[in-house]
Amino acid sequence: GYFEAALERVPDFALAHVGIAKVWAGRRQMGFASQSEARARGQAALSKALELDDDLAEAHDTLAGYREVIAANAVPDGLDLITGVEINAIVIRDIGLWEGELHILGFGMDADDEAFEAILATQRDRRRERFEQTVNRLRDLDLAIDDHLHGLSTAEDDALGRPTVARALVSAGHATSVEDAFGRLIGHGKPAYVPRRGLGPLEAIVAIRAAGGLPALAHFSDAPARVELIRELAEDGLGGLEVYHRSFDAATVLAVSEVAAELRLVPTGGSDYHGDTSAYAEAHAGLWVPPEVAAGIPGAGKGGSGIVGSAAQP
């Protein structure tokens, strides 16, 4: 298969083992493998992935992961690799959004687009500033985490964020879990919360479109109740809606897919993993995106409207 071919080319490619684990999860769901066999095979693949890299994580505001895979020549024949990014867009209007944000995904941007890279670099600079301000605020609260950041450099790490702070709070004994850290200390309105600065939704959509990509709204389970908001974004150039997410149950998948179909948005899927509540391999093994959905994403941003969405069958 594709993932085995990748491992033949790059034996230490941890993400290929993640892919194998996902395949076994899919075989179990479709009845092509017994639960015991799928669990054993999948767990073996997950263990190998974690052995190779126990700190795998997707990043916001960067195309570095794409470039690393291309540079390693680790894309097997027959497998399409496209650029992907997630931008936390700031919504100034008070319309009842959690933390006043919408997360905009981008698929298929030109990795060599200098203007887009400059925009992402500015986003990363603002992310670093927020990270440093949060660490300083925690220090002022006598909740210092400096000794628990494991040598991270804000000058070099392209995706520092609150999950990193949360894990450091747990390591320092200031929180019992990542969820506790967000709930008591660094979540919206909490003592160490620092507001985000950055692009708005329209700016993010325009930037992704200008770089040849497909902009999609991420993990928005409220989509069925906020159709007019999504319609407004679609009129501004939004081209996709994340229908498959590891937190969505079958009913949510179906409801969100119907919104995508109504607004003619490309359905997408993803794990939204940031190293916060589980291992990368486990998160991906628990996610299933139908092949026809994945096949519709590459190149969908090039022509403007992409493909017509259709109701998903969970």
C-alpha atoms as a PDB file:
ATOM      1  CA  GLY A   1       0.000   0.000   0.000  1.00  0.00           C
ATOM      2  CA  TYR A   2       0.904   3.670  -0.066  1.00  0.00           C
ATOM      3  CA  PHE A   3       2.147   3.791   3.499  1.00  0.00           C
ATOM      4  CA  GLU A   4       4.263   0.659   3.134  1.00  0.00           C
ATOM      5  CA  ALA A   5       5.792   2.210   0.000  1.00  0.00           C
ATOM      6  CA  ALA A   6       6.636   5.330   1.980  1.00  0.00           C
ATOM      7  CA  LEU A   7       8.363   3.221   4.636  1.00  0.00           C
ATOM      8  CA  GLU A   8      10.420   1.450   2.005  1.00  0.00           C
ATOM      9  CA  ARG A   9      11.690   4.837   0.919  1.00  0.00           C
ATOM     10  CA  VAL A  10      11.997   6.388   4.397  1.00  0.00           C
ATOM     11  CA  PRO A  11      12.037   3.650   7.105  1.00  0.00           C
ATOM     12  CA  ASP A  12      11.798   6.142   9.993  1.00  0.00           C
ATOM     13  CA  PHE A  13       8.772   8.009   8.591  1.00  0.00           C
ATOM     14  CA  ALA A  14       6.508   8.012  11.666  1.00  0.00           C
ATOM     15  CA  LEU A  15       3.459   9.398   9.857  1.00  0.00           C
ATOM     16  CA  ALA A  16       3.411   6.368   7.551  1.00  0.00           C
ATOM     17  CA  HIS A  17       2.888   4.147  10.602  1.00  0.00           C
ATOM     18  CA  VAL A  18       0.055   6.488  11.628  1.00  0.00           C
ATOM     19  CA  GLY A  19      -1.456   5.926   8.194  1.00  0.00           C
ATOM     20  CA  ILE A  20      -1.252   2.156   8.599  1.00  0.00           C
ATOM     21  CA  ALA A  21      -3.066   2.426  11.927  1.00  0.00           C
ATOM     22  CA  LYS A  22      -5.819   4.450  10.248  1.00  0.00           C
ATOM     23  CA  VAL A  23      -6.155   1.830   7.534  1.00  0.00           C
ATOM     24  CA  TRP A  24      -6.759  -0.884  10.118  1.00  0.00           C
ATOM     25  CA  ALA A  25      -9.299   1.313  11.905  1.00  0.00           C
ATOM     26  CA  GLY A  26     -11.106   1.770   8.601  1.00  0.00           C
ATOM     27  CA  ARG A  27     -11.031  -1.952   7.831  1.00  0.00           C
ATOM     28  CA  ARG A  28     -12.622  -2.669  11.188  1.00  0.00           C
ATOM     29  CA  GLN A  29     -15.350  -0.056  10.619  1.00  0.00           C
ATOM     30  CA  MET A  30     -16.163  -1.492   7.183  1.00  0.00           C
ATOM     31  CA  GLY A  31     -16.174  -5.093   8.391  1.00  0.00           C
ATOM     32  CA  PHE A  32     -13.084  -6.156   6.443  1.00  0.00           C
ATOM     33  CA  ALA A  33     -11.158  -7.141   9.578  1.00  0.00           C
ATOM     34  CA  SER A  34     -12.089  -8.551  12.966  1.00  0.00           C
ATOM     35  CA  GLN A  35     -11.983  -6.266  15.959  1.00  0.00           C
ATOM     36  CA  SER A  36      -9.170  -8.274  17.543  1.00  0.00           C
ATOM     37  CA  GLU A  37      -7.009  -8.261  14.408  1.00  0.00           C
ATOM     38  CA  ALA A  38      -7.596  -4.572  13.686  1.00  0.00           C
ATOM     39  CA  ARG A  39      -6.827  -3.634  17.280  1.00  0.00           C
ATOM     40  CA  ALA A  40      -3.591  -5.656  17.338  1.00  0.00           C
ATOM     41  CA  ARG A  41      -2.371  -4.417  13.959  1.00  0.00           C
ATOM     42  CA  GLY A  42      -3.396  -0.828  14.626  1.00  0.00           C
ATOM     43  CA  GLN A  43      -1.833  -0.732  18.075  1.00  0.00           C
ATOM     44  CA  ALA A  44       1.428  -2.125  16.706  1.00  0.00           C
ATOM     45  CA  ALA A  45       1.520   0.636  14.098  1.00  0.00           C
ATOM     46  CA  LEU A  46       0.707   3.301  16.695  1.00  0.00           C
ATOM     47  CA  SER A  47       3.428   2.025  18.999  1.00  0.00           C
ATOM     48  CA  LYS A  48       5.981   2.171  16.211  1.00  0.00           C
ATOM     49  CA  ALA A  49       4.953   5.712  15.287  1.00  0.00           C
ATOM     50  CA  LEU A  50       5.315   6.860  18.886  1.00  0.00           C
ATOM     51  CA  GLU A  51       8.636   5.050  19.190  1.00  0.00           C
ATOM     52  CA  LEU A  52       9.932   7.020  16.211  1.00  0.00           C
ATOM     53  CA  ASP A  53       8.460  10.356  17.293  1.00  0.00           C
ATOM     54  CA  ASP A  54       6.568  10.767  20.555  1.00  0.00           C
ATOM     55  CA  ASP A  55       5.950  14.476  19.996  1.00  0.00           C
ATOM     56  CA  LEU A  56       4.278  14.569  16.596  1.00  0.00           C
ATOM     57  CA  ALA A  57       1.948  17.543  16.236  1.00  0.00           C
ATOM     58  CA  GLU A  58       0.196  19.524  13.512  1.00  0.00           C
ATOM     59  CA  ALA A  59       0.914  23.227  13.513  1.00  0.00           C
ATOM     60  CA  HIS A  60      -1.033  26.407  12.872  1.00  0.00           C
ATOM     61  CA  ASP A  61       0.226  29.176  10.593  1.00  0.00           C
ATOM     62  CA  THR A  62       2.965  27.180   8.867  1.00  0.00           C
ATOM     63  CA  LEU A  63       3.632  24.990   5.820  1.00  0.00           C
ATOM     64  CA  ALA A  64       6.790  23.566   7.383  1.00  0.00           C
ATOM     65  CA  GLY A  65       5.416  20.019   7.623  1.00  0.00           C
ATOM     66  CA  TYR A  66       4.736  19.919   3.876  1.00  0.00           C
ATOM     67  CA  ARG A  67       8.210  21.170   3.065  1.00  0.00           C
ATOM     68  CA  GLU A  68       9.840  18.637   5.382  1.00  0.00           C
ATOM     69  CA  VAL A  69       8.079  15.702   3.698  1.00  0.00           C
ATOM     70  CA  ILE A  70       8.926  16.996   0.216  1.00  0.00           C
ATOM     71  CA  ALA A  71      12.561  17.574   1.193  1.00  0.00           C
ATOM     72  CA  ALA A  72      12.767  14.006   2.511  1.00  0.00           C
ATOM     73  CA  ASN A  73      11.358  12.688  -0.784  1.00  0.00           C
ATOM     74  CA  ALA A  74       8.931  10.685   1.334  1.00  0.00           C
ATOM     75  CA  VAL A  75       5.825  10.849  -0.850  1.00  0.00           C
ATOM     76  CA  PRO A  76       5.154   7.404  -2.350  1.00  0.00           C
ATOM     77  CA  ASP A  77       4.054   6.997  -5.954  1.00  0.00           C
ATOM     78  CA  GLY A  78       0.310   7.386  -6.387  1.00  0.00           C
ATOM     79  CA  LEU A  79      -0.200   9.470  -3.247  1.00  0.00           C
ATOM     80  CA  ASP A  80      -1.022  13.174  -3.503  1.00  0.00           C
ATOM     81  CA  LEU A  81       0.453  15.489  -0.889  1.00  0.00           C
ATOM     82  CA  ILE A  82      -1.008  18.979  -0.676  1.00  0.00           C
ATOM     83  CA  THR A  83      -0.219  21.948   1.505  1.00  0.00           C
ATOM     84  CA  GLY A  84      -2.436  22.593   4.499  1.00  0.00           C
ATOM     85  CA  VAL A  85      -2.692  25.308   7.133  1.00  0.00           C
ATOM     86  CA  GLU A  86      -5.019  26.432   9.915  1.00  0.00           C
ATOM     87  CA  ILE A  87      -5.452  30.119  10.714  1.00  0.00           C
ATOM     88  CA  ASN A  88      -7.202  31.285  13.884  1.00  0.00           C
ATOM     89  CA  ALA A  89      -9.192  34.235  12.562  1.00  0.00           C
ATOM     90  CA  ILE A  90     -10.325  36.982  14.922  1.00  0.00           C
ATOM     91  CA  VAL A  91     -14.000  38.012  14.721  1.00  0.00           C
ATOM     92  CA  ILE A  92     -14.448  41.573  15.929  1.00  0.00           C
ATOM     93  CA  ARG A  93     -18.257  41.509  15.888  1.00  0.00           C
ATOM     94  CA  ASP A  94     -19.926  40.104  18.989  1.00  0.00           C
ATOM     95  CA  ILE A  95     -21.902  37.267  17.428  1.00  0.00           C
ATOM     96  CA  GLY A  96     -21.589  34.718  20.211  1.00  0.00           C
ATOM     97  CA  LEU A  97     -18.526  32.811  19.010  1.00  0.00           C
ATOM     98  CA  TRP A  98     -16.355  30.953  21.507  1.00  0.00           C
ATOM     99  CA  GLU A  99     -13.293  33.150  22.205  1.00  0.00           C
ATOM    100  CA  GLY A 100     -14.386  35.388  19.312  1.00  0.00           C
ATOM    101  CA  GLU A 101     -12.674  33.209  16.714  1.00  0.00           C
ATOM    102  CA  LEU A 102     -13.316  31.192  13.586  1.00  0.00           C
ATOM    103  CA  HIS A 103     -10.668  28.735  12.450  1.00  0.00           C
ATOM    104  CA  ILE A 104     -10.002  28.846   8.717  1.00  0.00           C
ATOM    105  CA  LEU A 105      -8.266  25.926   7.013  1.00  0.00           C
ATOM    106  CA  GLY A 106      -6.359  26.277   3.776  1.00  0.00           C
ATOM    107  CA  PHE A 107      -5.710  23.414   1.349  1.00  0.00           C
ATOM    108  CA  GLY A 108      -3.502  23.384  -1.725  1.00  0.00           C
ATOM    109  CA  MET A 109      -1.739  26.747  -1.469  1.00  0.00           C
ATOM    110  CA  ASP A 110       1.414  27.312  -3.495  1.00  0.00           C
ATOM    111  CA  ALA A 111       4.200  26.496  -1.033  1.00  0.00           C
ATOM    112  CA  ASP A 112       6.452  28.996  -2.817  1.00  0.00           C
ATOM    113  CA  ASP A 113       4.011  31.911  -2.677  1.00  0.00           C
ATOM    114  CA  GLU A 114       6.088  34.608  -0.998  1.00  0.00           C
ATOM    115  CA  ALA A 115       3.151  36.868  -0.132  1.00  0.00           C
ATOM    116  CA  PHE A 116       1.324  34.046   1.631  1.00  0.00           C
ATOM    117  CA  GLU A 117       4.457  32.994   3.493  1.00  0.00           C
ATOM    118  CA  ALA A 118       4.906  36.595   4.672  1.00  0.00           C
ATOM    119  CA  ILE A 119       1.348  36.574   6.034  1.00  0.00           C
ATOM    120  CA  LEU A 120       1.986  33.300   7.877  1.00  0.00           C
ATOM    121  CA  ALA A 121       5.258  34.667   9.258  1.00  0.00           C
ATOM    122  CA  THR A 122       3.363  37.633  10.724  1.00  0.00           C
ATOM    123  CA  GLN A 123       0.821  35.240  12.251  1.00  0.00           C
ATOM    124  CA  ARG A 124       3.637  33.214  13.822  1.00  0.00           C
ATOM    125  CA  ASP A 125       5.246  36.379  15.209  1.00  0.00           C
ATOM    126  CA  ARG A 126       1.963  37.298  16.881  1.00  0.00           C
ATOM    127  CA  ARG A 127       1.643  33.755  18.204  1.00  0.00           C
ATOM    128  CA  ARG A 128       5.119  33.981  19.774  1.00  0.00           C
ATOM    129  CA  GLU A 129       4.268  37.331  21.327  1.00  0.00           C
ATOM    130  CA  ARG A 130       1.099  35.905  22.842  1.00  0.00           C
ATOM    131  CA  PHE A 131       3.024  32.895  24.124  1.00  0.00           C
ATOM    132  CA  GLU A 132       5.591  35.111  25.850  1.00  0.00           C
ATOM    133  CA  GLN A 133       2.876  37.342  27.316  1.00  0.00           C
ATOM    134  CA  THR A 134       1.080  34.290  28.707  1.00  0.00           C
ATOM    135  CA  VAL A 135       4.262  32.940  30.290  1.00  0.00           C
ATOM    136  CA  ASN A 136       4.930  36.372  31.816  1.00  0.00           C
ATOM    137  CA  ARG A 137       1.398  36.613  33.164  1.00  0.00           C
ATOM    138  CA  LEU A 138       1.706  33.184  34.768  1.00  0.00           C
ATOM    139  CA  ARG A 139       4.976  34.261  36.349  1.00  0.00           C
ATOM    140  CA  ASP A 140       3.207  37.318  37.803  1.00  0.00           C
ATOM    141  CA  LEU A 141       0.595  34.942  39.239  1.00  0.00           C
ATOM    142  CA  ASP A 142       3.349  32.895  40.957  1.00  0.00           C
ATOM    143  CA  LEU A 143       2.679  30.066  38.509  1.00  0.00           C
ATOM    144  CA  ALA A 144       5.998  30.093  36.689  1.00  0.00           C
ATOM    145  CA  ILE A 145       6.537  27.410  34.033  1.00  0.00           C
ATOM    146  CA  ASP A 146       9.938  28.513  32.700  1.00  0.00           C
ATOM    147  CA  ASP A 147      11.678  25.345  33.896  1.00  0.00           C
ATOM    148  CA  HIS A 148       9.069  23.137  32.225  1.00  0.00           C
ATOM    149  CA  LEU A 149       9.199  24.397  28.660  1.00  0.00           C
ATOM    150  CA  HIS A 150      11.849  21.821  27.748  1.00  0.00           C
ATOM    151  CA  GLY A 151      14.244  24.181  26.023  1.00  0.00           C
ATOM    152  CA  LEU A 152      11.733  25.687  23.599  1.00  0.00           C
ATOM    153  CA  SER A 153      12.924  28.786  21.789  1.00  0.00           C
ATOM    154  CA  THR A 154      10.286  31.312  20.799  1.00  0.00           C
ATOM    155  CA  ALA A 155      12.673  32.485  18.088  1.00  0.00           C
ATOM    156  CA  GLU A 156      12.703  29.081  16.404  1.00  0.00           C
ATOM    157  CA  ASP A 157       9.451  27.265  17.186  1.00  0.00           C
ATOM    158  CA  ASP A 158       6.947  28.118  14.449  1.00  0.00           C
ATOM    159  CA  ALA A 159       3.809  27.075  16.317  1.00  0.00           C
ATOM    160  CA  LEU A 160       4.003  27.914  19.994  1.00  0.00           C
ATOM    161  CA  GLY A 161       0.566  28.091  21.526  1.00  0.00           C
ATOM    162  CA  ARG A 162      -1.573  27.531  24.587  1.00  0.00           C
ATOM    163  CA  PRO A 163      -1.457  23.713  24.420  1.00  0.00           C
ATOM    164  CA  THR A 164       2.296  23.979  25.053  1.00  0.00           C
ATOM    165  CA  VAL A 165       1.626  26.277  28.006  1.00  0.00           C
ATOM    166  CA  ALA A 166      -1.032  23.902  29.325  1.00  0.00           C
ATOM    167  CA  ARG A 167       1.298  20.911  29.219  1.00  0.00           C
ATOM    168  CA  ALA A 168       3.964  22.939  31.018  1.00  0.00           C
ATOM    169  CA  LEU A 169       1.437  23.884  33.714  1.00  0.00           C
ATOM    170  CA  VAL A 170       0.677  20.208  34.234  1.00  0.00           C
ATOM    171  CA  SER A 171       4.387  19.369  34.371  1.00  0.00           C
ATOM    172  CA  ALA A 172       4.949  22.144  36.914  1.00  0.00           C
ATOM    173  CA  GLY A 173       2.141  20.866  39.111  1.00  0.00           C
ATOM    174  CA  HIS A 174      -0.017  23.958  38.606  1.00  0.00           C
ATOM    175  CA  ALA A 175      -2.755  22.015  36.809  1.00  0.00           C
ATOM    176  CA  THR A 176      -3.975  18.438  36.893  1.00  0.00           C
ATOM    177  CA  SER A 177      -4.583  18.182  33.146  1.00  0.00           C
ATOM    178  CA  VAL A 178      -4.581  20.197  29.936  1.00  0.00           C
ATOM    179  CA  GLU A 179      -8.319  20.665  30.338  1.00  0.00           C
ATOM    180  CA  ASP A 180      -7.830  21.915  33.904  1.00  0.00           C
ATOM    181  CA  ALA A 181      -5.170  24.380  32.740  1.00  0.00           C
ATOM    182  CA  PHE A 182      -7.525  25.859  30.158  1.00  0.00           C
ATOM    183  CA  GLY A 183     -10.529  25.761  32.463  1.00  0.00           C
ATOM    184  CA  ARG A 184      -8.899  27.588  35.383  1.00  0.00           C
ATOM    185  CA  LEU A 185      -5.936  29.528  34.042  1.00  0.00           C
ATOM    186  CA  ILE A 186      -5.421  30.169  30.325  1.00  0.00           C
ATOM    187  CA  GLY A 187      -8.891  29.798  28.779  1.00  0.00           C
ATOM    188  CA  HIS A 188     -10.973  32.756  27.657  1.00  0.00           C
ATOM    189  CA  GLY A 189     -11.627  35.108  30.584  1.00  0.00           C
ATOM    190  CA  LYS A 190      -9.306  33.246  32.969  1.00  0.00           C
ATOM    191  CA  PRO A 191      -6.472  34.914  34.967  1.00  0.00           C
ATOM    192  CA  ALA A 192      -3.667  34.177  32.494  1.00  0.00           C
ATOM    193  CA  TYR A 193      -5.683  34.580  29.296  1.00  0.00           C
ATOM    194  CA  VAL A 194      -4.114  36.824  26.652  1.00  0.00           C
ATOM    195  CA  PRO A 195      -6.334  37.887  23.710  1.00  0.00           C
ATOM    196  CA  ARG A 196      -5.175  36.813  20.276  1.00  0.00           C
ATOM    197  CA  ARG A 197      -4.132  39.263  17.550  1.00  0.00           C
ATOM    198  CA  GLY A 198      -4.144  38.396  13.878  1.00  0.00           C
ATOM    199  CA  LEU A 199      -6.111  38.098  10.663  1.00  0.00           C
ATOM    200  CA  GLY A 200      -9.873  38.280  10.457  1.00  0.00           C
ATOM    201  CA  PRO A 201     -11.898  35.600   8.602  1.00  0.00           C
ATOM    202  CA  LEU A 202     -12.172  37.612   5.383  1.00  0.00           C
ATOM    203  CA  GLU A 203      -8.446  38.378   5.398  1.00  0.00           C
ATOM    204  CA  ALA A 204      -7.611  34.707   5.942  1.00  0.00           C
ATOM    205  CA  ILE A 205      -9.967  33.603   3.157  1.00  0.00           C
ATOM    206  CA  VAL A 206      -8.568  36.152   0.715  1.00  0.00           C
ATOM    207  CA  ALA A 207      -4.965  35.233   1.572  1.00  0.00           C
ATOM    208  CA  ILE A 208      -5.612  31.513   1.026  1.00  0.00           C
ATOM    209  CA  ARG A 209      -7.438  32.160  -2.245  1.00  0.00           C
ATOM    210  CA  ALA A 210      -4.641  34.441  -3.471  1.00  0.00           C
ATOM    211  CA  ALA A 211      -2.145  31.639  -2.893  1.00  0.00           C
ATOM    212  CA  GLY A 212      -4.243  29.249  -4.962  1.00  0.00           C
ATOM    213  CA  GLY A 213      -5.788  27.414  -2.015  1.00  0.00           C
ATOM    214  CA  LEU A 214      -9.198  26.289  -0.849  1.00  0.00           C
ATOM    215  CA  PRO A 215     -10.354  28.072   2.361  1.00  0.00           C
ATOM    216  CA  ALA A 216     -12.579  25.950   4.607  1.00  0.00           C
ATOM    217  CA  LEU A 217     -14.239  26.550   7.960  1.00  0.00           C
ATOM    218  CA  ALA A 218     -12.813  24.187  10.590  1.00  0.00           C
ATOM    219  CA  HIS A 219     -14.572  22.037  13.233  1.00  0.00           C
ATOM    220  CA  PHE A 220     -17.690  24.211  13.411  1.00  0.00           C
ATOM    221  CA  SER A 221     -20.271  21.889  14.936  1.00  0.00           C
ATOM    222  CA  ASP A 222     -22.662  24.842  15.255  1.00  0.00           C
ATOM    223  CA  ALA A 223     -22.921  25.022  11.453  1.00  0.00           C
ATOM    224  CA  PRO A 224     -26.545  23.820  11.288  1.00  0.00           C
ATOM    225  CA  ALA A 225     -27.597  26.642  13.620  1.00  0.00           C
ATOM    226  CA  ARG A 226     -25.363  29.278  11.983  1.00  0.00           C
ATOM    227  CA  VAL A 227     -26.110  28.767   8.293  1.00  0.00           C
ATOM    228  CA  GLU A 228     -26.448  32.486   7.595  1.00  0.00           C
ATOM    229  CA  LEU A 229     -23.024  33.172   9.083  1.00  0.00           C
ATOM    230  CA  ILE A 230     -21.482  30.475   6.891  1.00  0.00           C
ATOM    231  CA  ARG A 231     -23.426  31.783   3.877  1.00  0.00           C
ATOM    232  CA  GLU A 232     -21.858  35.199   4.508  1.00  0.00           C
ATOM    233  CA  LEU A 233     -18.397  33.628   4.621  1.00  0.00           C
ATOM    234  CA  ALA A 234     -19.141  31.712   1.413  1.00  0.00           C
ATOM    235  CA  GLU A 235     -20.078  34.960  -0.305  1.00  0.00           C
ATOM    236  CA  ASP A 236     -16.670  36.269   0.804  1.00  0.00           C
ATOM    237  CA  GLY A 237     -14.891  33.291  -0.777  1.00  0.00           C
ATOM    238  CA  LEU A 238     -15.109  30.425   1.719  1.00  0.00           C
ATOM    239  CA  GLY A 239     -14.984  27.234  -0.330  1.00  0.00           C
ATOM    240  CA  GLY A 240     -15.169  24.359   2.140  1.00  0.00           C
ATOM    241  CA  LEU A 241     -16.613  23.161   5.429  1.00  0.00           C
ATOM    242  CA  GLU A 242     -15.044  20.573   7.723  1.00  0.00           C
ATOM    243  CA  VAL A 243     -17.612  17.790   7.864  1.00  0.00           C
ATOM    244  CA  TYR A 244     -15.446  15.021   9.346  1.00  0.00           C
ATOM    245  CA  HIS A 245     -13.784  15.805  12.680  1.00  0.00           C
ATOM    246  CA  ARG A 246     -12.766  13.459  15.460  1.00  0.00           C
ATOM    247  CA  SER A 247     -15.143  15.193  17.892  1.00  0.00           C
ATOM    248  CA  PHE A 248     -18.219  14.860  15.623  1.00  0.00           C
ATOM    249  CA  ASP A 249     -20.680  12.049  16.218  1.00  0.00           C
ATOM    250  CA  ALA A 250     -22.649  10.569  13.330  1.00  0.00           C
ATOM    251  CA  ALA A 251     -25.580  12.954  13.755  1.00  0.00           C
ATOM    252  CA  THR A 252     -23.268  15.986  13.694  1.00  0.00           C
ATOM    253  CA  VAL A 253     -21.457  14.718  10.605  1.00  0.00           C
ATOM    254  CA  LEU A 254     -24.766  14.339   8.785  1.00  0.00           C
ATOM    255  CA  ALA A 255     -26.076  17.757   9.877  1.00  0.00           C
ATOM    256  CA  VAL A 256     -22.880  19.599   8.951  1.00  0.00           C
ATOM    257  CA  SER A 257     -22.664  17.754   5.620  1.00  0.00           C
ATOM    258  CA  GLU A 258     -26.168  18.974   4.775  1.00  0.00           C
ATOM    259  CA  VAL A 259     -25.033  22.566   5.372  1.00  0.00           C
ATOM    260  CA  ALA A 260     -22.054  21.980   3.053  1.00  0.00           C
ATOM    261  CA  ALA A 261     -24.385  20.617   0.383  1.00  0.00           C
ATOM    262  CA  GLU A 262     -26.855  23.492   0.754  1.00  0.00           C
ATOM    263  CA  LEU A 263     -24.126  26.123   0.388  1.00  0.00           C
ATOM    264  CA  ARG A 264     -22.176  24.188  -2.256  1.00  0.00           C
ATOM    265  CA  LEU A 265     -19.078  23.972  -0.068  1.00  0.00           C
ATOM    266  CA  VAL A 266     -16.400  21.314  -0.452  1.00  0.00           C
ATOM    267  CA  PRO A 267     -16.609  18.868   2.496  1.00  0.00           C
ATOM    268  CA  THR A 268     -13.287  18.315   4.266  1.00  0.00           C
ATOM    269  CA  GLY A 269     -12.036  16.307   7.246  1.00  0.00           C
ATOM    270  CA  GLY A 270      -9.241  16.410   9.804  1.00  0.00           C
ATOM    271  CA  SER A 271      -8.134  15.462  13.292  1.00  0.00           C
ATOM    272  CA  ASP A 272      -7.388  18.987  14.623  1.00  0.00           C
ATOM    273  CA  TYR A 273      -4.569  17.483  16.675  1.00  0.00           C
ATOM    274  CA  HIS A 274      -2.170  19.818  18.494  1.00  0.00           C
ATOM    275  CA  GLY A 275      -0.468  17.515  20.957  1.00  0.00           C
ATOM    276  CA  ASP A 276      -2.829  18.471  23.739  1.00  0.00           C
ATOM    277  CA  THR A 277      -5.080  15.632  24.928  1.00  0.00           C
ATOM    278  CA  SER A 278      -3.770  12.442  23.301  1.00  0.00           C
ATOM    279  CA  ALA A 279      -1.023  11.037  21.122  1.00  0.00           C
ATOM    280  CA  TYR A 280      -0.972  12.078  17.462  1.00  0.00           C
ATOM    281  CA  ALA A 281      -1.220   8.482  16.285  1.00  0.00           C
ATOM    282  CA  GLU A 282      -4.241   7.775  18.484  1.00  0.00           C
ATOM    283  CA  ALA A 283      -6.041  10.868  17.238  1.00  0.00           C
ATOM    284  CA  HIS A 284      -5.531   9.940  13.602  1.00  0.00           C
ATOM    285  CA  ALA A 285      -6.475   6.315  14.155  1.00  0.00           C
ATOM    286  CA  GLY A 286      -9.825   7.531  15.483  1.00  0.00           C
ATOM    287  CA  LEU A 287     -10.619   9.638  12.417  1.00  0.00           C
ATOM    288  CA  TRP A 288     -12.159   8.434   9.163  1.00  0.00           C
ATOM    289  CA  VAL A 289     -12.542  10.628   6.089  1.00  0.00           C
ATOM    290  CA  PRO A 290     -14.283   8.971   3.122  1.00  0.00           C
ATOM    291  CA  PRO A 291     -11.988   8.526   0.113  1.00  0.00           C
ATOM    292  CA  GLU A 292     -14.312  10.530  -2.131  1.00  0.00           C
ATOM    293  CA  VAL A 293     -14.042  13.513   0.231  1.00  0.00           C
ATOM    294  CA  ALA A 294     -10.255  13.388   0.282  1.00  0.00           C
ATOM    295  CA  ALA A 295     -10.207  13.059  -3.510  1.00  0.00           C
ATOM    296  CA  GLY A 296     -12.272  16.210  -3.928  1.00  0.00           C
ATOM    297  CA  ILE A 297      -9.875  18.511  -2.072  1.00  0.00           C
ATOM    298  CA  PRO A 298      -6.677  18.661  -4.199  1.00  0.00           C
ATOM    299  CA  GLY A 299      -6.992  21.485  -6.701  1.00  0.00           C
ATOM    300  CA  ALA A 300     -10.460  22.520  -5.472  1.00  0.00           C
ATOM    301  CA  GLY A 301      -9.238  26.015  -4.709  1.00  0.00           C
ATOM    302  CA  LYS A 302      -7.756  26.636  -8.135  1.00  0.00           C
ATOM    303  CA  GLY A 303     -11.007  27.243  -9.954  1.00  0.00           C
ATOM    304  CA  GLY A 304     -12.778  29.266  -7.290  1.00  0.00           C
ATOM    305  CA  SER A 305     -15.863  27.271  -6.307  1.00  0.00           C
ATOM    306  CA  GLY A 306     -14.393  23.786  -6.115  1.00  0.00           C
ATOM    307  CA  ILE A 307     -16.833  20.863  -6.153  1.00  0.00           C
ATOM    308  CA  VAL A 308     -20.437  20.706  -5.101  1.00  0.00           C
ATOM    309  CA  GLY A 309     -20.926  19.375  -1.568  1.00  0.00           C
ATOM    310  CA  SER A 310     -23.203  16.428  -0.951  1.00  0.00           C
ATOM    311  CA  ALA A 311     -24.749  15.060   2.205  1.00  0.00           C
ATOM    312  CA  ALA A 312     -22.432  12.601   3.927  1.00  0.00           C
ATOM    313  CA  GLN A 313     -23.408   9.147   5.035  1.00  0.00           C
ATOM    314  CA  PRO A 314     -21.890   8.711   8.542  1.00  0.00           C
END
